[in-house]
Amino acid sequence: MVSEVSGKWLITGANGNLGRRLIVYLLKSTRDDIVAVVRSDKALQTMQRLTSPGGDLSEVYSTRLAVVVADYTNVAQLQGAAQGCDKAVHLVGILKATTISTYQAAHEDSCLALVEALAATSVDHITYLSIVGSRPDAANACLASKGQAEVILASGGPSSCTLRVPMVLGEGDYASGALRRRATGNNGFVFRGESLEQPIYAGDVVNAICAASTQQLVGGYDLGGPECLTRKQLYQRGADLFEKTPIFVSLPIGVGYLVAWVLEQFLGNPPITTAMLGVLDHDDNIDSEPTMKLLGMEKLTSLDATLEAVLAAR
């Protein structure tokens, strides 16, 4: 049902899988306008394809979607983009840092700029997407940076809500592609196969973001999927869909850290880093009921339904 009440959303980091999914949902289910902020012309082209022939949206929605290219740490540019908006969703973040793209710039500096920019606008609430395990004193560099970003948002400017989620699986995203490769292979190695995963469907994350924004929730909340299982069990559940019986050999996580450390020493942009591996290795075992109750979410998409949707969509 289309909402009769219209508003205007500022969505930063809008070209990612979740950002595009959120935009499609909002344009189809509300009368709201959207300002989507991206940081490059390439990302702009990605967004423009949403309303081009063959895109997820018909051209009629293009009148309610404005795409702006801006530096996420540029206060003036963010302030200009946010004029007339009443809600903000901050989806800017990275899992792997490089010398060019650091955790501080992506997380802390972008949040500092956003808070300062929105102080002179009509935006009265920010919803921020973070990672389960994030806290300012975390030993892991990525989780500590995300935790610092949460503190920045909570300490100034508009009211804010942080939703911390584990692995997010959605049609066509990187995580689902990696899982599909595991599920359709024959055999493979897994670092610490007994680590706990609690994947959540991307559609549920979008619903949670919308609920937190419209209800203007304040504070930080963890939200995981409906089922917790080991990494090896997750890979096997995916393989079951393809009627395959691969053998996953679990390796000590220390081996993974050693490999990541060596790659960091010799490559400017290694495929995996120690901090990235630490986030992926985090044990996720979340009681989502309190957060779901606050958000007004009665149930989450089952793991089986999620796997069927995201693995078949490749």
Protein backbone atom coordinates (compact mmCIF):
# COMPACT_ATOMS: atom_id res chain seq x y z
CA MET A 1 0.00 0.00 0.00
CA VAL A 2 1.33 3.45 -0.90
CA SER A 3 1.67 5.84 2.01
CA GLU A 4 -0.41 9.04 1.89
CA VAL A 5 2.21 10.95 3.87
CA SER A 6 5.16 12.18 1.82
CA GLY A 7 8.63 13.08 2.98
CA LYS A 8 12.13 13.38 1.64
CA TRP A 9 15.03 11.03 2.35
CA LEU A 10 18.76 11.64 2.13
CA ILE A 11 20.55 8.35 1.45
CA THR A 12 24.35 8.35 1.46
CA GLY A 13 26.22 5.42 -0.01
CA ALA A 14 23.15 4.89 -2.14
CA ASN A 15 24.77 2.94 -4.97
CA GLY A 16 25.46 -0.17 -2.89
CA ASN A 17 23.21 -3.19 -3.01
CA LEU A 18 21.28 -2.17 0.11
CA GLY A 19 21.05 1.45 -0.97
CA ARG A 20 19.55 0.59 -4.34
CA ARG A 21 17.18 -1.87 -2.73
CA LEU A 22 16.07 0.73 -0.19
CA ILE A 23 15.45 3.29 -2.93
CA VAL A 24 13.36 0.90 -5.00
CA TYR A 25 11.30 -0.02 -1.95
CA LEU A 26 10.69 3.59 -0.90
CA LEU A 27 9.74 4.79 -4.36
CA LYS A 28 7.30 1.92 -4.87
CA SER A 29 5.72 1.87 -1.40
CA THR A 30 5.62 5.58 -0.46
CA ARG A 31 5.12 8.96 -2.06
CA ASP A 32 8.43 10.18 -0.68
CA ASP A 33 11.19 11.87 -2.65
CA ILE A 34 14.78 10.67 -2.39
CA VAL A 35 18.16 12.36 -2.68
CA ALA A 36 20.71 9.62 -3.32
CA VAL A 37 24.30 10.64 -2.61
CA VAL A 38 27.15 8.79 -4.33
CA ARG A 39 30.84 9.63 -4.54
CA SER A 40 31.75 9.08 -8.20
CA ASP A 41 30.48 9.47 -11.74
CA LYS A 42 30.66 5.69 -12.12
CA ALA A 43 28.31 5.29 -9.17
CA LEU A 44 26.07 7.96 -10.69
CA GLN A 45 25.74 5.86 -13.83
CA THR A 46 24.82 2.84 -11.69
CA MET A 47 22.02 4.82 -10.10
CA GLN A 48 20.76 6.16 -13.41
CA ARG A 49 20.31 2.61 -14.65
CA LEU A 50 17.61 2.10 -12.01
CA THR A 51 15.14 4.11 -14.07
CA SER A 52 16.53 3.33 -17.53
CA PRO A 53 14.95 0.68 -19.80
CA GLY A 54 15.43 -2.71 -18.18
CA GLY A 55 16.09 -1.19 -14.75
CA ASP A 56 14.32 -1.99 -11.49
CA LEU A 57 12.13 1.13 -11.77
CA SER A 58 10.07 2.63 -14.55
CA GLU A 59 10.99 6.11 -15.76
CA VAL A 60 7.99 7.59 -13.97
CA TYR A 61 9.85 7.26 -10.67
CA SER A 62 12.79 9.34 -11.91
CA THR A 63 10.99 12.56 -11.00
CA ARG A 64 11.15 11.59 -7.32
CA LEU A 65 14.78 10.47 -7.36
CA ALA A 66 17.67 12.94 -7.44
CA VAL A 67 21.21 11.57 -7.57
CA VAL A 68 24.03 13.78 -6.31
CA VAL A 69 27.77 13.17 -6.58
CA ALA A 70 29.52 14.34 -3.42
CA ASP A 71 32.51 13.70 -1.22
CA TYR A 72 31.18 12.01 1.92
CA THR A 73 33.56 14.12 4.03
CA ASN A 74 32.67 17.45 2.38
CA VAL A 75 30.32 19.33 4.69
CA ALA A 76 29.18 21.88 2.11
CA GLN A 77 28.35 19.28 -0.50
CA LEU A 78 26.41 17.14 1.97
CA GLN A 79 24.56 20.16 3.29
CA GLY A 80 23.54 21.16 -0.21
CA ALA A 81 22.26 17.68 -0.98
CA ALA A 82 20.26 17.51 2.26
CA GLN A 83 18.19 20.66 1.75
CA GLY A 84 14.51 19.88 2.19
CA CYS A 85 15.11 16.39 3.54
CA ASP A 86 13.64 15.22 6.85
CA LYS A 87 15.28 11.79 7.24
CA ALA A 88 18.80 10.53 6.53
CA VAL A 89 20.12 7.01 6.06
CA HIS A 90 23.90 6.68 6.22
CA LEU A 91 25.10 3.56 4.39
CA VAL A 92 28.71 4.62 3.91
CA GLY A 93 31.24 2.06 5.10
CA ILE A 94 33.98 -0.31 4.05
CA LEU A 95 35.03 -3.77 5.15
CA LYS A 96 38.53 -3.60 3.67
CA ALA A 97 40.70 -0.53 4.16
CA THR A 98 43.46 0.52 1.75
CA THR A 99 46.02 3.31 1.75
CA ILE A 100 43.61 5.31 -0.41
CA SER A 101 40.40 4.44 1.43
CA THR A 102 40.90 4.29 5.20
CA TYR A 103 38.52 3.23 7.93
CA GLN A 104 38.73 6.65 9.53
CA ALA A 105 37.74 8.47 6.35
CA ALA A 106 34.94 6.06 5.47
CA HIS A 107 33.46 5.79 8.96
CA GLU A 108 34.47 8.50 11.42
CA ASP A 109 35.20 11.39 9.04
CA SER A 110 32.03 10.78 7.00
CA CYS A 111 29.91 10.78 10.16
CA LEU A 112 31.56 13.95 11.47
CA ALA A 113 30.86 15.68 8.16
CA LEU A 114 27.28 14.41 8.05
CA VAL A 115 26.46 15.61 11.57
CA GLU A 116 27.91 19.04 10.86
CA ALA A 117 26.16 19.28 7.50
CA LEU A 118 22.74 18.29 8.80
CA ALA A 119 22.86 20.79 11.68
CA ALA A 120 21.76 23.50 9.25
CA THR A 121 19.04 21.45 7.55
CA SER A 122 15.57 20.13 8.34
CA VAL A 123 16.80 16.54 8.81
CA ASP A 124 15.87 15.45 12.32
CA HIS A 125 16.90 11.78 12.32
CA ILE A 126 19.74 9.61 11.01
CA THR A 127 19.65 5.84 10.64
CA TYR A 128 23.11 4.29 10.45
CA LEU A 129 23.99 0.77 9.38
CA SER A 130 26.84 -0.79 11.32
CA ILE A 131 28.29 -4.25 12.00
CA VAL A 132 27.61 -6.63 14.88
CA GLY A 133 30.55 -6.43 17.26
CA SER A 134 31.31 -2.76 16.57
CA ARG A 135 32.37 -0.76 19.60
CA PRO A 136 34.92 2.03 20.13
CA ASP A 137 37.28 -0.18 22.17
CA ALA A 138 37.20 -3.19 19.82
CA ALA A 139 40.57 -4.77 19.08
CA ASN A 140 39.65 -5.06 15.41
CA ALA A 141 40.39 -1.84 13.48
CA CYS A 142 37.23 -1.98 11.36
CA LEU A 143 34.89 -2.69 14.29
CA ALA A 144 36.58 0.00 16.42
CA SER A 145 36.18 2.57 13.64
CA LYS A 146 32.52 1.71 13.16
CA GLY A 147 32.06 1.96 16.93
CA GLN A 148 33.64 5.43 16.94
CA ALA A 149 31.32 6.44 14.10
CA GLU A 150 28.31 5.36 16.17
CA VAL A 151 29.51 7.55 19.05
CA ILE A 152 29.91 10.53 16.73
CA LEU A 153 26.35 10.20 15.45
CA ALA A 154 24.94 9.72 18.94
CA SER A 155 26.71 12.73 20.43
CA GLY A 156 25.63 15.55 18.16
CA GLY A 157 23.20 16.89 15.60
CA PRO A 158 19.95 15.06 14.74
CA SER A 159 18.83 12.07 16.79
CA SER A 160 20.24 8.81 15.49
CA CYS A 161 19.68 5.08 15.48
CA THR A 162 22.34 2.50 14.69
CA LEU A 163 21.36 -0.92 13.40
CA ARG A 164 24.19 -3.43 13.76
CA VAL A 165 23.82 -6.43 11.46
CA PRO A 166 25.89 -9.55 10.64
CA MET A 167 26.25 -11.06 7.16
CA VAL A 168 23.60 -9.61 4.84
CA LEU A 169 22.44 -11.76 1.92
CA GLY A 170 20.58 -10.21 -1.00
CA GLU A 171 19.98 -11.03 -4.64
CA GLY A 172 23.01 -10.14 -6.72
CA ASP A 173 25.29 -8.98 -3.89
CA TYR A 174 28.91 -9.96 -3.25
CA ALA A 175 28.24 -12.09 -0.15
CA SER A 176 25.62 -14.17 -1.94
CA GLY A 177 27.93 -14.65 -4.90
CA ALA A 178 30.72 -15.89 -2.64
CA LEU A 179 28.32 -18.24 -0.87
CA ARG A 180 27.08 -19.61 -4.18
CA ARG A 181 30.62 -20.35 -5.30
CA ARG A 182 31.12 -22.30 -2.10
CA ALA A 183 27.82 -24.12 -2.45
CA THR A 184 28.36 -25.17 -6.05
CA GLY A 185 31.99 -26.26 -5.66
CA ASN A 186 33.21 -29.73 -4.92
CA ASN A 187 35.52 -29.30 -1.95
CA GLY A 188 37.06 -26.36 -0.18
CA PHE A 189 38.96 -24.94 2.75
CA VAL A 190 37.23 -22.91 5.45
CA PHE A 191 38.97 -20.80 8.07
CA ARG A 192 37.53 -21.76 11.47
CA GLY A 193 34.53 -23.60 10.13
CA GLU A 194 32.93 -23.70 13.58
CA SER A 195 32.58 -19.92 13.81
CA LEU A 196 28.97 -18.79 14.15
CA GLU A 197 27.03 -17.07 11.39
CA GLN A 198 23.57 -15.52 11.58
CA PRO A 199 22.86 -14.21 8.07
CA ILE A 200 19.96 -11.84 7.56
CA TYR A 201 18.02 -11.23 4.34
CA ALA A 202 18.60 -7.86 2.69
CA GLY A 203 14.87 -7.23 2.45
CA ASP A 204 14.58 -7.54 6.23
CA VAL A 205 17.39 -5.01 6.69
CA VAL A 206 15.59 -2.56 4.40
CA ASN A 207 12.38 -3.01 6.41
CA ALA A 208 14.32 -2.43 9.63
CA ILE A 209 15.91 0.76 8.27
CA CYS A 210 12.52 2.12 7.24
CA ALA A 211 10.98 1.28 10.62
CA ALA A 212 13.84 2.84 12.58
CA SER A 213 13.67 5.99 10.44
CA THR A 214 9.93 6.51 10.50
CA GLN A 215 9.71 5.76 14.25
CA GLN A 216 12.82 7.87 14.92
CA LEU A 217 14.32 5.28 17.22
CA VAL A 218 17.33 6.41 19.21
CA GLY A 219 20.24 4.22 20.28
CA GLY A 220 22.09 1.18 18.98
CA TYR A 221 20.45 -2.19 18.28
CA ASP A 222 21.65 -5.60 17.06
CA LEU A 223 19.58 -7.41 14.46
CA GLY A 224 20.52 -10.83 13.09
CA GLY A 225 18.80 -13.45 11.01
CA PRO A 226 16.38 -16.04 12.45
CA GLU A 227 18.93 -18.87 12.60
CA CYS A 228 22.43 -19.20 14.03
CA LEU A 229 24.69 -21.91 12.63
CA THR A 230 28.34 -22.65 11.98
CA ARG A 231 30.04 -21.47 8.83
CA LYS A 232 30.44 -25.05 7.61
CA GLN A 233 26.75 -25.68 8.22
CA LEU A 234 25.83 -22.54 6.26
CA TYR A 235 27.91 -23.66 3.29
CA GLN A 236 26.31 -27.09 3.44
CA ARG A 237 22.79 -25.63 3.56
CA GLY A 238 23.61 -23.75 0.40
CA ALA A 239 25.07 -26.86 -1.21
CA ASP A 240 21.89 -28.80 -0.37
CA LEU A 241 19.97 -26.55 -2.77
CA PHE A 242 22.18 -27.80 -5.59
CA GLU A 243 22.13 -31.40 -4.35
CA LYS A 244 25.87 -31.33 -3.85
CA THR A 245 27.89 -32.85 -1.04
CA PRO A 246 31.18 -30.95 -0.90
CA ILE A 247 33.72 -31.55 1.83
CA PHE A 248 34.70 -28.40 3.69
CA VAL A 249 38.01 -28.70 5.53
CA SER A 250 38.33 -26.32 8.45
CA LEU A 251 41.69 -24.57 8.84
CA PRO A 252 42.92 -22.72 11.96
CA ILE A 253 42.11 -19.03 11.77
CA GLY A 254 45.76 -18.31 12.56
CA VAL A 255 46.67 -19.59 9.09
CA GLY A 256 44.27 -17.08 7.58
CA TYR A 257 45.73 -14.22 9.59
CA LEU A 258 49.24 -15.21 8.51
CA VAL A 259 48.24 -15.27 4.85
CA ALA A 260 46.47 -11.91 5.17
CA TRP A 261 49.48 -10.37 6.93
CA VAL A 262 51.86 -11.53 4.21
CA LEU A 263 49.58 -10.15 1.50
CA GLU A 264 49.45 -6.80 3.30
CA GLN A 265 53.24 -6.60 3.30
CA PHE A 266 53.62 -7.06 -0.44
CA LEU A 267 50.42 -5.76 -2.05
CA GLY A 268 49.05 -2.24 -2.06
CA ASN A 269 45.50 -3.56 -2.32
CA PRO A 270 45.47 -7.14 -0.99
CA PRO A 271 42.34 -9.26 -1.57
CA ILE A 272 41.99 -9.75 2.18
CA THR A 273 43.41 -8.00 5.23
CA THR A 274 43.79 -9.03 8.87
CA ALA A 275 41.12 -6.54 9.95
CA MET A 276 38.72 -7.74 7.26
CA LEU A 277 39.30 -11.36 8.25
CA GLY A 278 38.64 -10.45 11.89
CA VAL A 279 35.22 -9.02 11.01
CA LEU A 280 34.33 -12.07 8.93
CA ASP A 281 35.46 -14.38 11.73
CA HIS A 282 33.29 -12.71 14.40
CA ASP A 283 30.93 -15.13 16.18
CA ASP A 284 27.36 -13.90 15.61
CA ASN A 285 24.77 -15.18 18.07
CA ILE A 286 22.16 -12.46 18.44
CA ASP A 287 18.84 -12.34 20.24
CA SER A 288 16.90 -10.25 17.73
CA GLU A 289 13.55 -10.36 19.51
CA PRO A 290 13.99 -7.11 21.51
CA THR A 291 15.02 -5.17 18.41
CA MET A 292 12.26 -6.70 16.31
CA LYS A 293 9.72 -5.72 18.93
CA LEU A 294 10.92 -2.12 18.91
CA LEU A 295 10.84 -2.02 15.12
CA GLY A 296 7.41 -3.64 14.93
CA MET A 297 8.73 -6.57 12.89
CA GLU A 298 6.75 -9.74 13.55
CA LYS A 299 9.08 -12.14 11.76
CA LEU A 300 12.20 -12.39 9.63
CA THR A 301 12.71 -14.23 6.37
CA SER A 302 13.74 -17.81 7.12
CA LEU A 303 17.25 -18.93 6.25
CA ASP A 304 15.95 -21.51 3.78
CA ALA A 305 13.85 -18.89 1.98
CA THR A 306 16.77 -16.48 1.97
CA LEU A 307 19.15 -19.05 0.47
CA GLU A 308 16.61 -20.06 -2.16
CA ALA A 309 16.14 -16.43 -3.18
CA VAL A 310 19.73 -15.27 -3.25
CA LEU A 311 21.44 -18.39 -4.59
CA ALA A 312 18.92 -18.99 -7.35
CA ALA A 313 19.14 -15.36 -8.43
CA ARG A 314 22.72 -15.62 -9.73
